[in-house]
Amino acid sequence: MSGDVEQQLEALTETGHHVTGSSGSEVYHHGLSDHRYVIVALSLAVMTGFEVSLTYMDVGPLFLPLLIVLMLIKFFTVVLFFMHLRFDNKLYSALFYTGLGLAVFVYMVAMFTFHVFRL
């Protein structure tokens, strides 16, 4: 029994933290601890620095694919951690990704309509 409680406490400290509220009671905040948010922010800064350095390097045809991959990694990192989609109800994630998919679909239809891509 005590092992289950310890595992639950570890899970709480992994994905959230407690803060003492104004009434003196503890309030649970979902998400990462402040330290982990700083680590995520620093990793985003490193990736941004790498993106900027790519503009000064001649990597040939890998330039655009590398930028797109880094952009996608940064986008999903921000969405999952700073927008809390990783910790919120799955309905919010479904709504967000449905809207994102619809927006990408409409954008691609517009691109093909104006013959941006040659097929």
Protein backbone atom coordinates (compact mmCIF):
# COMPACT_ATOMS: atom_id res chain seq x y z
CA MET A 1 0.00 0.00 0.00
CA SER A 2 2.75 2.48 0.90
CA GLY A 3 4.52 1.65 -2.37
CA ASP A 4 1.45 2.83 -4.32
CA VAL A 5 1.39 6.10 -2.41
CA GLU A 6 5.09 6.64 -3.08
CA GLN A 7 4.59 6.01 -6.81
CA GLN A 8 1.70 8.47 -6.89
CA LEU A 9 3.80 11.09 -5.11
CA GLU A 10 6.62 10.55 -7.61
CA ALA A 11 4.16 10.97 -10.47
CA LEU A 12 2.91 14.23 -8.95
CA THR A 13 6.38 15.65 -8.58
CA GLU A 14 7.17 14.58 -12.13
CA THR A 15 4.24 16.37 -13.79
CA GLY A 16 3.17 19.02 -11.31
CA HIS A 17 3.90 20.87 -8.13
CA HIS A 18 2.11 22.20 -5.09
CA VAL A 19 1.94 25.86 -4.17
CA THR A 20 0.56 27.28 -0.95
CA GLY A 21 -2.47 29.38 -1.83
CA SER A 22 -3.51 32.69 -0.30
CA SER A 23 -5.85 30.88 2.11
CA GLY A 24 -2.96 28.78 3.42
CA SER A 25 -4.12 25.58 1.72
CA GLU A 26 -2.02 23.81 -0.85
CA VAL A 27 -3.09 24.16 -4.46
CA TYR A 28 -1.99 21.68 -7.13
CA HIS A 29 -0.71 23.13 -10.41
CA HIS A 30 -0.42 20.78 -13.34
CA GLY A 31 2.61 21.10 -15.52
CA LEU A 32 6.31 21.03 -14.94
CA SER A 33 8.24 22.50 -12.08
CA ASP A 34 9.84 25.90 -12.61
CA HIS A 35 13.25 24.26 -13.00
CA ARG A 36 12.00 22.05 -15.84
CA TYR A 37 10.34 25.00 -17.57
CA VAL A 38 13.70 26.77 -17.54
CA ILE A 39 15.31 23.66 -19.07
CA VAL A 40 12.65 23.59 -21.82
CA ALA A 41 13.16 27.32 -22.48
CA LEU A 42 16.93 26.89 -22.67
CA SER A 43 16.57 24.00 -25.11
CA LEU A 44 14.30 26.17 -27.27
CA ALA A 45 16.93 28.92 -27.17
CA VAL A 46 19.65 26.47 -28.25
CA MET A 47 17.49 25.27 -31.15
CA THR A 48 16.83 28.89 -32.17
CA GLY A 49 20.57 29.58 -32.08
CA PHE A 50 21.14 26.56 -34.31
CA GLU A 51 18.48 27.81 -36.73
CA VAL A 52 20.16 31.22 -36.93
CA SER A 53 23.58 29.62 -37.41
CA LEU A 54 22.16 27.54 -40.27
CA THR A 55 21.51 30.75 -42.21
CA TYR A 56 25.26 31.48 -42.14
CA MET A 57 26.32 27.95 -43.14
CA ASP A 58 26.23 26.41 -46.58
CA VAL A 59 24.48 23.09 -46.01
CA GLY A 60 23.12 22.90 -49.56
CA PRO A 61 19.81 21.14 -50.09
CA LEU A 62 19.55 20.23 -46.37
CA PHE A 63 18.93 23.85 -45.42
CA LEU A 64 15.15 23.93 -45.76
CA PRO A 65 14.45 20.41 -44.43
CA LEU A 66 16.60 21.12 -41.34
CA LEU A 67 14.77 24.39 -40.68
CA ILE A 68 11.39 22.70 -41.08
CA VAL A 69 12.32 19.87 -38.70
CA LEU A 70 13.62 22.33 -36.09
CA MET A 71 10.49 24.46 -36.53
CA LEU A 72 8.24 21.45 -35.94
CA ILE A 73 10.19 20.36 -32.86
CA LYS A 74 9.98 23.86 -31.40
CA PHE A 75 6.30 24.21 -32.27
CA PHE A 76 5.29 20.98 -30.57
CA THR A 77 7.53 21.70 -27.57
CA VAL A 78 5.80 25.03 -27.00
CA VAL A 79 2.35 23.53 -27.57
CA LEU A 80 2.89 20.55 -25.29
CA PHE A 81 4.64 22.29 -22.40
CA PHE A 82 3.87 26.02 -22.38
CA MET A 83 0.27 25.61 -23.60
CA HIS A 84 -0.09 22.66 -21.17
CA LEU A 85 -1.66 20.36 -23.77
CA ARG A 86 0.46 17.52 -22.46
CA PHE A 87 -1.14 17.82 -19.02
CA ASP A 88 -4.69 18.94 -19.89
CA ASN A 89 -7.76 16.97 -20.84
CA LYS A 90 -7.34 15.08 -24.12
CA LEU A 91 -10.38 16.91 -25.50
CA TYR A 92 -8.38 20.15 -25.60
CA SER A 93 -5.61 18.42 -27.53
CA ALA A 94 -8.14 16.97 -29.98
CA LEU A 95 -9.71 20.39 -30.54
CA PHE A 96 -6.33 22.05 -31.02
CA TYR A 97 -5.01 19.44 -33.44
CA THR A 98 -8.30 19.39 -35.39
CA GLY A 99 -8.07 23.15 -35.84
CA LEU A 100 -4.41 22.90 -36.79
CA GLY A 101 -5.14 20.18 -39.35
CA LEU A 102 -7.99 22.22 -40.83
CA ALA A 103 -5.78 25.30 -41.07
CA VAL A 104 -2.99 23.36 -42.81
CA PHE A 105 -5.53 21.81 -45.20
CA VAL A 106 -7.00 25.22 -46.14
CA TYR A 107 -3.49 26.65 -46.56
CA MET A 108 -2.47 23.78 -48.87
CA VAL A 109 -5.66 24.17 -50.92
CA ALA A 110 -4.85 27.87 -51.35
CA MET A 111 -1.28 27.05 -52.38
CA PHE A 112 -2.45 24.54 -55.00
CA THR A 113 -5.17 26.95 -56.19
CA PHE A 114 -2.57 29.61 -56.96
CA HIS A 115 -0.21 27.03 -58.52
CA VAL A 116 2.57 27.54 -55.99
CA PHE A 117 3.37 23.83 -56.26
CA ARG A 118 3.80 22.33 -59.70
CA LEU A 119 2.38 18.81 -59.98
